[in-house]
Amino acid sequence: MPSKQTFCWCFGGRPPDIKYGIDGDTQLKSMALDIPMPTDENELNAMFEELVAELDLDKPHRDALFNLQPEKKWQIYCSKKQVYFVKILVFFKVLSYVFNLLSKE
């Protein structure tokens, strides 16, 4: 069993206290994608098809999604992409924090 001084808690060390950039006064800002909705419905359906393929749904649920109004399809698409971008942002924030920790040692 590794010592408690181990950098990575997955090897038995204590997880770091992540306090970087967190204070009680800062309000989280909502993030919105400013991508205009495609005017061509075929283009929108192609983009939506990509998203639905990732969900691995059965035929009745796929058909239900494709029967939605174009505006609702676009809303779902933007929502899914926003979650993806937030995950990437969080990943890079954590990575930056880890590099800062390592550079202090």
PDB file of N, CA and C in Angstrom:
ATOM      1  N   MET A   1       0.843  -1.184   0.000  1.00  0.00           N
ATOM      2  CA  MET A   1       0.000   0.000   0.000  1.00  0.00           C
ATOM      3  C   MET A   1       0.887   1.245   0.000  1.00  0.00           C
ATOM      4  N   PRO A   2       0.654   2.169  -0.923  1.00  0.00           N
ATOM      5  CA  PRO A   2       1.477   3.370  -0.991  1.00  0.00           C
ATOM      6  C   PRO A   2       1.303   4.245   0.244  1.00  0.00           C
ATOM      7  N   SER A   3       2.281   5.096   0.453  1.00  0.00           N
ATOM      8  CA  SER A   3       2.224   5.987   1.616  1.00  0.00           C
ATOM      9  C   SER A   3       1.149   7.047   1.423  1.00  0.00           C
ATOM     10  N   LYS A   4       0.826   7.742   2.510  1.00  0.00           N
ATOM     11  CA  LYS A   4      -0.187   8.794   2.469  1.00  0.00           C
ATOM     12  C   LYS A   4       0.317  10.033   1.733  1.00  0.00           C
ATOM     13  N   GLN A   5       1.591  10.073   1.395  1.00  0.00           N
ATOM     14  CA  GLN A   5       2.161  11.199   0.669  1.00  0.00           C
ATOM     15  C   GLN A   5       1.959  11.062  -0.842  1.00  0.00           C
ATOM     16  N   THR A   6       1.312   9.997  -1.283  1.00  0.00           N
ATOM     17  CA  THR A   6       1.121   9.732  -2.700  1.00  0.00           C
ATOM     18  C   THR A   6       0.346  10.869  -3.346  1.00  0.00           C
ATOM     19  N   PHE A   7       0.766  11.264  -4.522  1.00  0.00           N
ATOM     20  CA  PHE A   7       0.106  12.349  -5.243  1.00  0.00           C
ATOM     21  C   PHE A   7      -1.327  11.969  -5.610  1.00  0.00           C
ATOM     22  N   CYS A   8      -1.512  10.792  -6.156  1.00  0.00           N
ATOM     23  CA  CYS A   8      -2.832  10.393  -6.651  1.00  0.00           C
ATOM     24  C   CYS A   8      -3.574   9.593  -5.597  1.00  0.00           C
ATOM     25  N   TRP A   9      -4.746  10.098  -5.196  1.00  0.00           N
ATOM     26  CA  TRP A   9      -5.512   9.420  -4.159  1.00  0.00           C
ATOM     27  C   TRP A   9      -6.013   8.060  -4.619  1.00  0.00           C
ATOM     28  N   CYS A  10      -6.019   7.808  -5.927  1.00  0.00           N
ATOM     29  CA  CYS A  10      -6.475   6.500  -6.409  1.00  0.00           C
ATOM     30  C   CYS A  10      -5.472   5.413  -6.028  1.00  0.00           C
ATOM     31  N   PHE A  11      -4.257   5.797  -5.627  1.00  0.00           N
ATOM     32  CA  PHE A  11      -3.263   4.833  -5.173  1.00  0.00           C
ATOM     33  C   PHE A  11      -3.177   4.794  -3.645  1.00  0.00           C
ATOM     34  N   GLY A  12      -4.155   5.309  -2.965  1.00  0.00           N
ATOM     35  CA  GLY A  12      -4.201   5.223  -1.516  1.00  0.00           C
ATOM     36  C   GLY A  12      -3.881   6.521  -0.793  1.00  0.00           C
ATOM     37  N   GLY A  13      -3.521   7.560  -1.505  1.00  0.00           N
ATOM     38  CA  GLY A  13      -3.250   8.840  -0.865  1.00  0.00           C
ATOM     39  C   GLY A  13      -4.540   9.576  -0.561  1.00  0.00           C
ATOM     40  N   ARG A  14      -4.427  10.654   0.191  1.00  0.00           N
ATOM     41  CA  ARG A  14      -5.591  11.472   0.536  1.00  0.00           C
ATOM     42  C   ARG A  14      -5.910  12.393  -0.634  1.00  0.00           C
ATOM     43  N   PRO A  15      -7.187  12.533  -0.994  1.00  0.00           N
ATOM     44  CA  PRO A  15      -7.518  13.437  -2.094  1.00  0.00           C
ATOM     45  C   PRO A  15      -7.190  14.877  -1.725  1.00  0.00           C
ATOM     46  N   PRO A  16      -6.766  15.671  -2.699  1.00  0.00           N
ATOM     47  CA  PRO A  16      -6.409  17.059  -2.401  1.00  0.00           C
ATOM     48  C   PRO A  16      -7.641  17.891  -2.081  1.00  0.00           C
ATOM     49  N   ASP A  17      -7.463  18.910  -1.260  1.00  0.00           N
ATOM     50  CA  ASP A  17      -8.528  19.866  -1.001  1.00  0.00           C
ATOM     51  C   ASP A  17      -8.480  20.893  -2.123  1.00  0.00           C
ATOM     52  N   ILE A  18      -9.446  20.827  -2.999  1.00  0.00           N
ATOM     53  CA  ILE A  18      -9.452  21.722  -4.152  1.00  0.00           C
ATOM     54  C   ILE A  18     -10.192  22.988  -3.766  1.00  0.00           C
ATOM     55  N   LYS A  19      -9.420  24.070  -3.658  1.00  0.00           N
ATOM     56  CA  LYS A  19      -9.992  25.359  -3.286  1.00  0.00           C
ATOM     57  C   LYS A  19      -9.638  26.414  -4.318  1.00  0.00           C
ATOM     58  N   TYR A  20      -8.987  26.014  -5.380  1.00  0.00           N
ATOM     59  CA  TYR A  20      -8.534  26.937  -6.402  1.00  0.00           C
ATOM     60  C   TYR A  20      -9.725  27.641  -7.046  1.00  0.00           C
ATOM     61  N   GLY A  21      -9.753  28.949  -6.979  1.00  0.00           N
ATOM     62  CA  GLY A  21     -10.764  29.739  -7.644  1.00  0.00           C
ATOM     63  C   GLY A  21     -12.143  29.645  -7.013  1.00  0.00           C
ATOM     64  N   ILE A  22     -12.243  29.174  -5.766  1.00  0.00           N
ATOM     65  CA  ILE A  22     -13.548  29.039  -5.139  1.00  0.00           C
ATOM     66  C   ILE A  22     -13.616  29.989  -3.952  1.00  0.00           C
ATOM     67  N   ASP A  23     -14.610  30.833  -3.949  1.00  0.00           N
ATOM     68  CA  ASP A  23     -14.887  31.647  -2.781  1.00  0.00           C
ATOM     69  C   ASP A  23     -16.408  31.771  -2.659  1.00  0.00           C
ATOM     70  N   GLY A  24     -16.877  32.134  -1.516  1.00  0.00           N
ATOM     71  CA  GLY A  24     -18.311  32.158  -1.262  1.00  0.00           C
ATOM     72  C   GLY A  24     -19.039  33.313  -1.918  1.00  0.00           C
ATOM     73  N   ASP A  25     -18.308  34.344  -2.364  1.00  0.00           N
ATOM     74  CA  ASP A  25     -18.954  35.532  -2.912  1.00  0.00           C
ATOM     75  C   ASP A  25     -19.173  35.471  -4.421  1.00  0.00           C
ATOM     76  N   THR A  26     -18.477  34.594  -5.088  1.00  0.00           N
ATOM     77  CA  THR A  26     -18.559  34.531  -6.538  1.00  0.00           C
ATOM     78  C   THR A  26     -19.794  33.747  -6.974  1.00  0.00           C
ATOM     79  N   GLN A  27     -20.575  34.355  -7.823  1.00  0.00           N
ATOM     80  CA  GLN A  27     -21.732  33.682  -8.393  1.00  0.00           C
ATOM     81  C   GLN A  27     -21.306  32.980  -9.678  1.00  0.00           C
ATOM     82  N   LEU A  28     -21.807  31.760  -9.870  1.00  0.00           N
ATOM     83  CA  LEU A  28     -21.514  31.057 -11.105  1.00  0.00           C
ATOM     84  C   LEU A  28     -22.262  31.716 -12.252  1.00  0.00           C
ATOM     85  N   LYS A  29     -21.581  31.834 -13.369  1.00  0.00           N
ATOM     86  CA  LYS A  29     -22.198  32.443 -14.538  1.00  0.00           C
ATOM     87  C   LYS A  29     -22.763  31.343 -15.421  1.00  0.00           C
ATOM     88  N   SER A  30     -23.959  31.575 -15.932  1.00  0.00           N
ATOM     89  CA  SER A  30     -24.519  30.580 -16.837  1.00  0.00           C
ATOM     90  C   SER A  30     -23.830  30.708 -18.183  1.00  0.00           C
ATOM     91  N   MET A  31     -23.658  29.573 -18.821  1.00  0.00           N
ATOM     92  CA  MET A  31     -22.975  29.542 -20.097  1.00  0.00           C
ATOM     93  C   MET A  31     -23.982  29.178 -21.172  1.00  0.00           C
ATOM     94  N   ALA A  32     -24.055  29.951 -22.204  1.00  0.00           N
ATOM     95  CA  ALA A  32     -24.976  29.658 -23.288  1.00  0.00           C
ATOM     96  C   ALA A  32     -24.197  29.618 -24.590  1.00  0.00           C
ATOM     97  N   LEU A  33     -24.569  28.685 -25.429  1.00  0.00           N
ATOM     98  CA  LEU A  33     -23.943  28.613 -26.743  1.00  0.00           C
ATOM     99  C   LEU A  33     -24.636  29.605 -27.661  1.00  0.00           C
ATOM    100  N   ASP A  34     -23.853  30.419 -28.318  1.00  0.00           N
ATOM    101  CA  ASP A  34     -24.409  31.417 -29.227  1.00  0.00           C
ATOM    102  C   ASP A  34     -24.279  30.949 -30.666  1.00  0.00           C
ATOM    103  N   ILE A  35     -24.724  29.739 -30.914  1.00  0.00           N
ATOM    104  CA  ILE A  35     -24.659  29.180 -32.260  1.00  0.00           C
ATOM    105  C   ILE A  35     -26.031  29.372 -32.895  1.00  0.00           C
ATOM    106  N   PRO A  36     -26.081  29.993 -34.048  1.00  0.00           N
ATOM    107  CA  PRO A  36     -27.387  30.170 -34.683  1.00  0.00           C
ATOM    108  C   PRO A  36     -27.944  28.834 -35.185  1.00  0.00           C
ATOM    109  N   MET A  37     -29.248  28.688 -35.083  1.00  0.00           N
ATOM    110  CA  MET A  37     -29.908  27.474 -35.539  1.00  0.00           C
ATOM    111  C   MET A  37     -29.822  27.393 -37.066  1.00  0.00           C
ATOM    112  N   PRO A  38     -29.449  26.228 -37.597  1.00  0.00           N
ATOM    113  CA  PRO A  38     -29.379  26.086 -39.055  1.00  0.00           C
ATOM    114  C   PRO A  38     -30.754  26.327 -39.687  1.00  0.00           C
ATOM    115  N   THR A  39     -30.756  27.023 -40.815  1.00  0.00           N
ATOM    116  CA  THR A  39     -32.022  27.277 -41.505  1.00  0.00           C
ATOM    117  C   THR A  39     -32.465  26.067 -42.307  1.00  0.00           C
ATOM    118  N   ASP A  40     -31.510  25.269 -42.746  1.00  0.00           N
ATOM    119  CA  ASP A  40     -31.818  24.065 -43.511  1.00  0.00           C
ATOM    120  C   ASP A  40     -32.172  22.928 -42.547  1.00  0.00           C
ATOM    121  N   GLU A  41     -33.387  22.393 -42.653  1.00  0.00           N
ATOM    122  CA  GLU A  41     -33.826  21.342 -41.743  1.00  0.00           C
ATOM    123  C   GLU A  41     -33.023  20.053 -41.930  1.00  0.00           C
ATOM    124  N   ASN A  42     -32.535  19.801 -43.146  1.00  0.00           N
ATOM    125  CA  ASN A  42     -31.704  18.611 -43.380  1.00  0.00           C
ATOM    126  C   ASN A  42     -30.386  18.700 -42.613  1.00  0.00           C
ATOM    127  N   GLU A  43     -29.803  19.894 -42.572  1.00  0.00           N
ATOM    128  CA  GLU A  43     -28.562  20.110 -41.821  1.00  0.00           C
ATOM    129  C   GLU A  43     -28.806  19.903 -40.324  1.00  0.00           C
ATOM    130  N   LEU A  44     -29.918  20.442 -39.831  1.00  0.00           N
ATOM    131  CA  LEU A  44     -30.276  20.269 -38.427  1.00  0.00           C
ATOM    132  C   LEU A  44     -30.480  18.789 -38.109  1.00  0.00           C
ATOM    133  N   ASN A  45     -31.181  18.076 -38.968  1.00  0.00           N
ATOM    134  CA  ASN A  45     -31.418  16.650 -38.745  1.00  0.00           C
ATOM    135  C   ASN A  45     -30.123  15.848 -38.762  1.00  0.00           C
ATOM    136  N   ALA A  46     -29.172  16.243 -39.612  1.00  0.00           N
ATOM    137  CA  ALA A  46     -27.878  15.558 -39.644  1.00  0.00           C
ATOM    138  C   ALA A  46     -27.124  15.766 -38.328  1.00  0.00           C
ATOM    139  N   MET A  47     -27.155  16.988 -37.815  1.00  0.00           N
ATOM    140  CA  MET A  47     -26.497  17.278 -36.543  1.00  0.00           C
ATOM    141  C   MET A  47     -27.190  16.527 -35.404  1.00  0.00           C
ATOM    142  N   PHE A  48     -28.522  16.519 -35.459  1.00  0.00           N
ATOM    143  CA  PHE A  48     -29.309  15.860 -34.421  1.00  0.00           C
ATOM    144  C   PHE A  48     -29.109  14.345 -34.475  1.00  0.00           C
ATOM    145  N   GLU A  49     -28.965  13.805 -35.675  1.00  0.00           N
ATOM    146  CA  GLU A  49     -28.730  12.366 -35.856  1.00  0.00           C
ATOM    147  C   GLU A  49     -27.434  11.948 -35.155  1.00  0.00           C
ATOM    148  N   GLU A  50     -26.411  12.785 -35.264  1.00  0.00           N
ATOM    149  CA  GLU A  50     -25.136  12.528 -34.600  1.00  0.00           C
ATOM    150  C   GLU A  50     -25.325  12.416 -33.087  1.00  0.00           C
ATOM    151  N   LEU A  51     -26.087  13.339 -32.549  1.00  0.00           N
ATOM    152  CA  LEU A  51     -26.337  13.356 -31.105  1.00  0.00           C
ATOM    153  C   LEU A  51     -27.159  12.139 -30.676  1.00  0.00           C
ATOM    154  N   VAL A  52     -28.208  11.818 -31.427  1.00  0.00           N
ATOM    155  CA  VAL A  52     -29.081  10.697 -31.085  1.00  0.00           C
ATOM    156  C   VAL A  52     -28.325   9.379 -31.188  1.00  0.00           C
ATOM    157  N   ALA A  53     -27.393   9.281 -32.128  1.00  0.00           N
ATOM    158  CA  ALA A  53     -26.599   8.055 -32.275  1.00  0.00           C
ATOM    159  C   ALA A  53     -25.773   7.786 -31.021  1.00  0.00           C
ATOM    160  N   GLU A  54     -25.295   8.848 -30.377  1.00  0.00           N
ATOM    161  CA  GLU A  54     -24.516   8.700 -29.142  1.00  0.00           C
ATOM    162  C   GLU A  54     -25.360   8.147 -27.997  1.00  0.00           C
ATOM    163  N   LEU A  55     -26.669   8.374 -28.045  1.00  0.00           N
ATOM    164  CA  LEU A  55     -27.549   7.954 -26.957  1.00  0.00           C
ATOM    165  C   LEU A  55     -27.894   6.476 -26.997  1.00  0.00           C
ATOM    166  N   ASP A  56     -27.700   5.838 -28.146  1.00  0.00           N
ATOM    167  CA  ASP A  56     -27.941   4.399 -28.294  1.00  0.00           C
ATOM    168  C   ASP A  56     -29.363   4.019 -27.847  1.00  0.00           C
ATOM    169  N   LEU A  57     -30.354   4.666 -28.449  1.00  0.00           N
ATOM    170  CA  LEU A  57     -31.752   4.447 -28.100  1.00  0.00           C
ATOM    171  C   LEU A  57     -32.388   3.380 -28.990  1.00  0.00           C
ATOM    172  N   ASP A  58     -33.486   2.805 -28.515  1.00  0.00           N
ATOM    173  CA  ASP A  58     -34.229   1.862 -29.348  1.00  0.00           C
ATOM    174  C   ASP A  58     -35.089   2.660 -30.346  1.00  0.00           C
ATOM    175  N   LYS A  59     -35.648   1.971 -31.345  1.00  0.00           N
ATOM    176  CA  LYS A  59     -36.349   2.630 -32.446  1.00  0.00           C
ATOM    177  C   LYS A  59     -37.515   3.520 -32.006  1.00  0.00           C
ATOM    178  N   PRO A  60     -38.400   3.076 -31.106  1.00  0.00           N
ATOM    179  CA  PRO A  60     -39.513   3.972 -30.721  1.00  0.00           C
ATOM    180  C   PRO A  60     -39.042   5.293 -30.099  1.00  0.00           C
ATOM    181  N   HIS A  61     -37.997   5.237 -29.288  1.00  0.00           N
ATOM    182  CA  HIS A  61     -37.490   6.472 -28.666  1.00  0.00           C
ATOM    183  C   HIS A  61     -36.777   7.356 -29.688  1.00  0.00           C
ATOM    184  N   ARG A  62     -36.046   6.727 -30.621  1.00  0.00           N
ATOM    185  CA  ARG A  62     -35.395   7.502 -31.689  1.00  0.00           C
ATOM    186  C   ARG A  62     -36.451   8.224 -32.526  1.00  0.00           C
ATOM    187  N   ASP A  63     -37.495   7.488 -32.895  1.00  0.00           N
ATOM    188  CA  ASP A  63     -38.555   8.082 -33.712  1.00  0.00           C
ATOM    189  C   ASP A  63     -39.233   9.236 -32.979  1.00  0.00           C
ATOM    190  N   ALA A  64     -39.431   9.072 -31.679  1.00  0.00           N
ATOM    191  CA  ALA A  64     -40.057  10.134 -30.885  1.00  0.00           C
ATOM    192  C   ALA A  64     -39.190  11.391 -30.906  1.00  0.00           C
ATOM    193  N   LEU A  65     -37.888  11.232 -30.794  1.00  0.00           N
ATOM    194  CA  LEU A  65     -36.995  12.394 -30.836  1.00  0.00           C
ATOM    195  C   LEU A  65     -37.013  13.063 -32.205  1.00  0.00           C
ATOM    196  N   PHE A  66     -37.024  12.259 -33.260  1.00  0.00           N
ATOM    197  CA  PHE A  66     -37.011  12.844 -34.599  1.00  0.00           C
ATOM    198  C   PHE A  66     -38.342  13.476 -34.982  1.00  0.00           C
ATOM    199  N   ASN A  67     -39.405  13.187 -34.251  1.00  0.00           N
ATOM    200  CA  ASN A  67     -40.702  13.802 -34.515  1.00  0.00           C
ATOM    201  C   ASN A  67     -40.878  15.136 -33.788  1.00  0.00           C
ATOM    202  N   LEU A  68     -39.888  15.550 -33.039  1.00  0.00           N
ATOM    203  CA  LEU A  68     -39.955  16.836 -32.340  1.00  0.00           C
ATOM    204  C   LEU A  68     -39.869  17.995 -33.333  1.00  0.00           C
ATOM    205  N   GLN A  69     -40.335  19.148 -32.905  1.00  0.00           N
ATOM    206  CA  GLN A  69     -40.223  20.371 -33.710  1.00  0.00           C
ATOM    207  C   GLN A  69     -38.747  20.740 -33.853  1.00  0.00           C
ATOM    208  N   PRO A  70     -38.356  21.385 -34.958  1.00  0.00           N
ATOM    209  CA  PRO A  70     -36.949  21.765 -35.161  1.00  0.00           C
ATOM    210  C   PRO A  70     -36.375  22.598 -34.015  1.00  0.00           C
ATOM    211  N   GLU A  71     -37.168  23.501 -33.443  1.00  0.00           N
ATOM    212  CA  GLU A  71     -36.678  24.342 -32.344  1.00  0.00           C
ATOM    213  C   GLU A  71     -36.320  23.504 -31.119  1.00  0.00           C
ATOM    214  N   LYS A  72     -37.130  22.490 -30.849  1.00  0.00           N
ATOM    215  CA  LYS A  72     -36.859  21.609 -29.706  1.00  0.00           C
ATOM    216  C   LYS A  72     -35.617  20.758 -29.971  1.00  0.00           C
ATOM    217  N   LYS A  73     -35.465  20.272 -31.203  1.00  0.00           N
ATOM    218  CA  LYS A  73     -34.261  19.514 -31.574  1.00  0.00           C
ATOM    219  C   LYS A  73     -33.019  20.376 -31.350  1.00  0.00           C
ATOM    220  N   TRP A  74     -33.107  21.648 -31.764  1.00  0.00           N
ATOM    221  CA  TRP A  74     -31.966  22.554 -31.619  1.00  0.00           C
ATOM    222  C   TRP A  74     -31.666  22.813 -30.154  1.00  0.00           C
ATOM    223  N   GLN A  75     -32.711  22.964 -29.355  1.00  0.00           N
ATOM    224  CA  GLN A  75     -32.529  23.183 -27.918  1.00  0.00           C
ATOM    225  C   GLN A  75     -31.826  21.984 -27.276  1.00  0.00           C
ATOM    226  N   ILE A  76     -32.241  20.791 -27.629  1.00  0.00           N
ATOM    227  CA  ILE A  76     -31.604  19.571 -27.095  1.00  0.00           C
ATOM    228  C   ILE A  76     -30.162  19.490 -27.556  1.00  0.00           C
ATOM    229  N   TYR A  77     -29.915  19.778 -28.825  1.00  0.00           N
ATOM    230  CA  TYR A  77     -28.559  19.724 -29.375  1.00  0.00           C
ATOM    231  C   TYR A  77     -27.636  20.704 -28.638  1.00  0.00           C
ATOM    232  N   CYS A  78     -28.087  21.945 -28.480  1.00  0.00           N
ATOM    233  CA  CYS A  78     -27.262  22.954 -27.791  1.00  0.00           C
ATOM    234  C   CYS A  78     -27.035  22.583 -26.331  1.00  0.00           C
ATOM    235  N   SER A  79     -28.042  22.031 -25.692  1.00  0.00           N
ATOM    236  CA  SER A  79     -27.912  21.619 -24.299  1.00  0.00           C
ATOM    237  C   SER A  79     -26.850  20.536 -24.155  1.00  0.00           C
ATOM    238  N   LYS A  80     -26.871  19.565 -25.037  1.00  0.00           N
ATOM    239  CA  LYS A  80     -25.896  18.470 -24.992  1.00  0.00           C
ATOM    240  C   LYS A  80     -24.484  18.993 -25.262  1.00  0.00           C
ATOM    241  N   LYS A  81     -24.335  19.865 -26.229  1.00  0.00           N
ATOM    242  CA  LYS A  81     -23.014  20.427 -26.553  1.00  0.00           C
ATOM    243  C   LYS A  81     -22.505  21.310 -25.417  1.00  0.00           C
ATOM    244  N   GLN A  82     -23.405  22.017 -24.749  1.00  0.00           N
ATOM    245  CA  GLN A  82     -23.010  22.863 -23.630  1.00  0.00           C
ATOM    246  C   GLN A  82     -22.435  22.011 -22.504  1.00  0.00           C
ATOM    247  N   VAL A  83     -23.068  20.886 -22.208  1.00  0.00           N
ATOM    248  CA  VAL A  83     -22.564  19.974 -21.179  1.00  0.00           C
ATOM    249  C   VAL A  83     -21.178  19.472 -21.566  1.00  0.00           C
ATOM    250  N   TYR A  84     -20.977  19.154 -22.831  1.00  0.00           N
ATOM    251  CA  TYR A  84     -19.677  18.695 -23.315  1.00  0.00           C
ATOM    252  C   TYR A  84     -18.606  19.767 -23.093  1.00  0.00           C
ATOM    253  N   PHE A  85     -18.914  21.019 -23.444  1.00  0.00           N
ATOM    254  CA  PHE A  85     -17.940  22.095 -23.279  1.00  0.00           C
ATOM    255  C   PHE A  85     -17.635  22.362 -21.812  1.00  0.00           C
ATOM    256  N   VAL A  86     -18.628  22.263 -20.952  1.00  0.00           N
ATOM    257  CA  VAL A  86     -18.414  22.470 -19.516  1.00  0.00           C
ATOM    258  C   VAL A  86     -17.505  21.377 -18.970  1.00  0.00           C
ATOM    259  N   LYS A  87     -17.701  20.132 -19.397  1.00  0.00           N
ATOM    260  CA  LYS A  87     -16.834  19.040 -18.951  1.00  0.00           C
ATOM    261  C   LYS A  87     -15.391  19.287 -19.369  1.00  0.00           C
ATOM    262  N   ILE A  88     -15.184  19.765 -20.576  1.00  0.00           N
ATOM    263  CA  ILE A  88     -13.826  20.078 -21.042  1.00  0.00           C
ATOM    264  C   ILE A  88     -13.231  21.205 -20.205  1.00  0.00           C
ATOM    265  N   LEU A  89     -14.025  22.231 -19.937  1.00  0.00           N
ATOM    266  CA  LEU A  89     -13.548  23.357 -19.135  1.00  0.00           C
ATOM    267  C   LEU A  89     -13.144  22.901 -17.736  1.00  0.00           C
ATOM    268  N   VAL A  90     -13.972  22.087 -17.099  1.00  0.00           N
ATOM    269  CA  VAL A  90     -13.659  21.570 -15.761  1.00  0.00           C
ATOM    270  C   VAL A  90     -12.399  20.726 -15.803  1.00  0.00           C
ATOM    271  N   PHE A  91     -12.253  19.893 -16.832  1.00  0.00           N
ATOM    272  CA  PHE A  91     -11.062  19.067 -16.964  1.00  0.00           C
ATOM    273  C   PHE A  91      -9.801  19.924 -17.003  1.00  0.00           C
ATOM    274  N   PHE A  92      -9.812  20.988 -17.801  1.00  0.00           N
ATOM    275  CA  PHE A  92      -8.630  21.833 -17.893  1.00  0.00           C
ATOM    276  C   PHE A  92      -8.383  22.634 -16.622  1.00  0.00           C
ATOM    277  N   LYS A  93      -9.438  23.004 -15.905  1.00  0.00           N
ATOM    278  CA  LYS A  93      -9.257  23.683 -14.616  1.00  0.00           C
ATOM    279  C   LYS A  93      -8.577  22.747 -13.619  1.00  0.00           C
ATOM    280  N   VAL A  94      -9.033  21.493 -13.567  1.00  0.00           N
ATOM    281  CA  VAL A  94      -8.432  20.510 -12.661  1.00  0.00           C
ATOM    282  C   VAL A  94      -6.998  20.243 -13.073  1.00  0.00           C
ATOM    283  N   LEU A  95      -6.754  20.114 -14.355  1.00  0.00           N
ATOM    284  CA  LEU A  95      -5.403  19.881 -14.855  1.00  0.00           C
ATOM    285  C   LEU A  95      -4.475  21.031 -14.472  1.00  0.00           C
ATOM    286  N   SER A  96      -4.959  22.254 -14.595  1.00  0.00           N
ATOM    287  CA  SER A  96      -4.181  23.425 -14.208  1.00  0.00           C
ATOM    288  C   SER A  96      -3.868  23.393 -12.716  1.00  0.00           C
ATOM    289  N   TYR A  97      -4.854  23.021 -11.913  1.00  0.00           N
ATOM    290  CA  TYR A  97      -4.658  22.923 -10.467  1.00  0.00           C
ATOM    291  C   TYR A  97      -3.589  21.880 -10.132  1.00  0.00           C
ATOM    292  N   VAL A  98      -3.649  20.735 -10.790  1.00  0.00           N
ATOM    293  CA  VAL A  98      -2.683  19.664 -10.538  1.00  0.00           C
ATOM    294  C   VAL A  98      -1.279  20.117 -10.930  1.00  0.00           C
ATOM    295  N   PHE A  99      -1.152  20.783 -12.081  1.00  0.00           N
ATOM    296  CA  PHE A  99       0.167  21.261 -12.492  1.00  0.00           C
ATOM    297  C   PHE A  99       0.709  22.301 -11.512  1.00  0.00           C
ATOM    298  N   ASN A 100      -0.168  23.139 -10.979  1.00  0.00           N
ATOM    299  CA  ASN A 100       0.265  24.122  -9.983  1.00  0.00           C
ATOM    300  C   ASN A 100       0.761  23.417  -8.722  1.00  0.00           C
ATOM    301  N   LEU A 101       0.062  22.347  -8.308  1.00  0.00           N
ATOM    302  CA  LEU A 101       0.502  21.575  -7.141  1.00  0.00           C
ATOM    303  C   LEU A 101       1.870  20.948  -7.385  1.00  0.00           C
ATOM    304  N   LEU A 102       2.028  20.372  -8.557  1.00  0.00           N
ATOM    305  CA  LEU A 102       3.291  19.695  -8.870  1.00  0.00           C
ATOM    306  C   LEU A 102       4.446  20.670  -8.977  1.00  0.00           C
ATOM    307  N   SER A 103       4.179  21.866  -9.476  1.00  0.00           N
ATOM    308  CA  SER A 103       5.267  22.839  -9.626  1.00  0.00           C
ATOM    309  C   SER A 103       5.739  23.395  -8.282  1.00  0.00           C
ATOM    310  N   LYS A 104       4.908  23.275  -7.235  1.00  0.00           N
ATOM    311  CA  LYS A 104       5.292  23.747  -5.906  1.00  0.00           C
ATOM    312  C   LYS A 104       6.182  22.756  -5.181  1.00  0.00           C
ATOM    313  N   GLU A 105       6.158  21.509  -5.619  1.00  0.00           N
ATOM    314  CA  GLU A 105       6.970  20.473  -4.939  1.00  0.00           C
ATOM    315  C   GLU A 105       8.413  20.521  -5.365  1.00  0.00           C
TER     316      GLU A 105
END
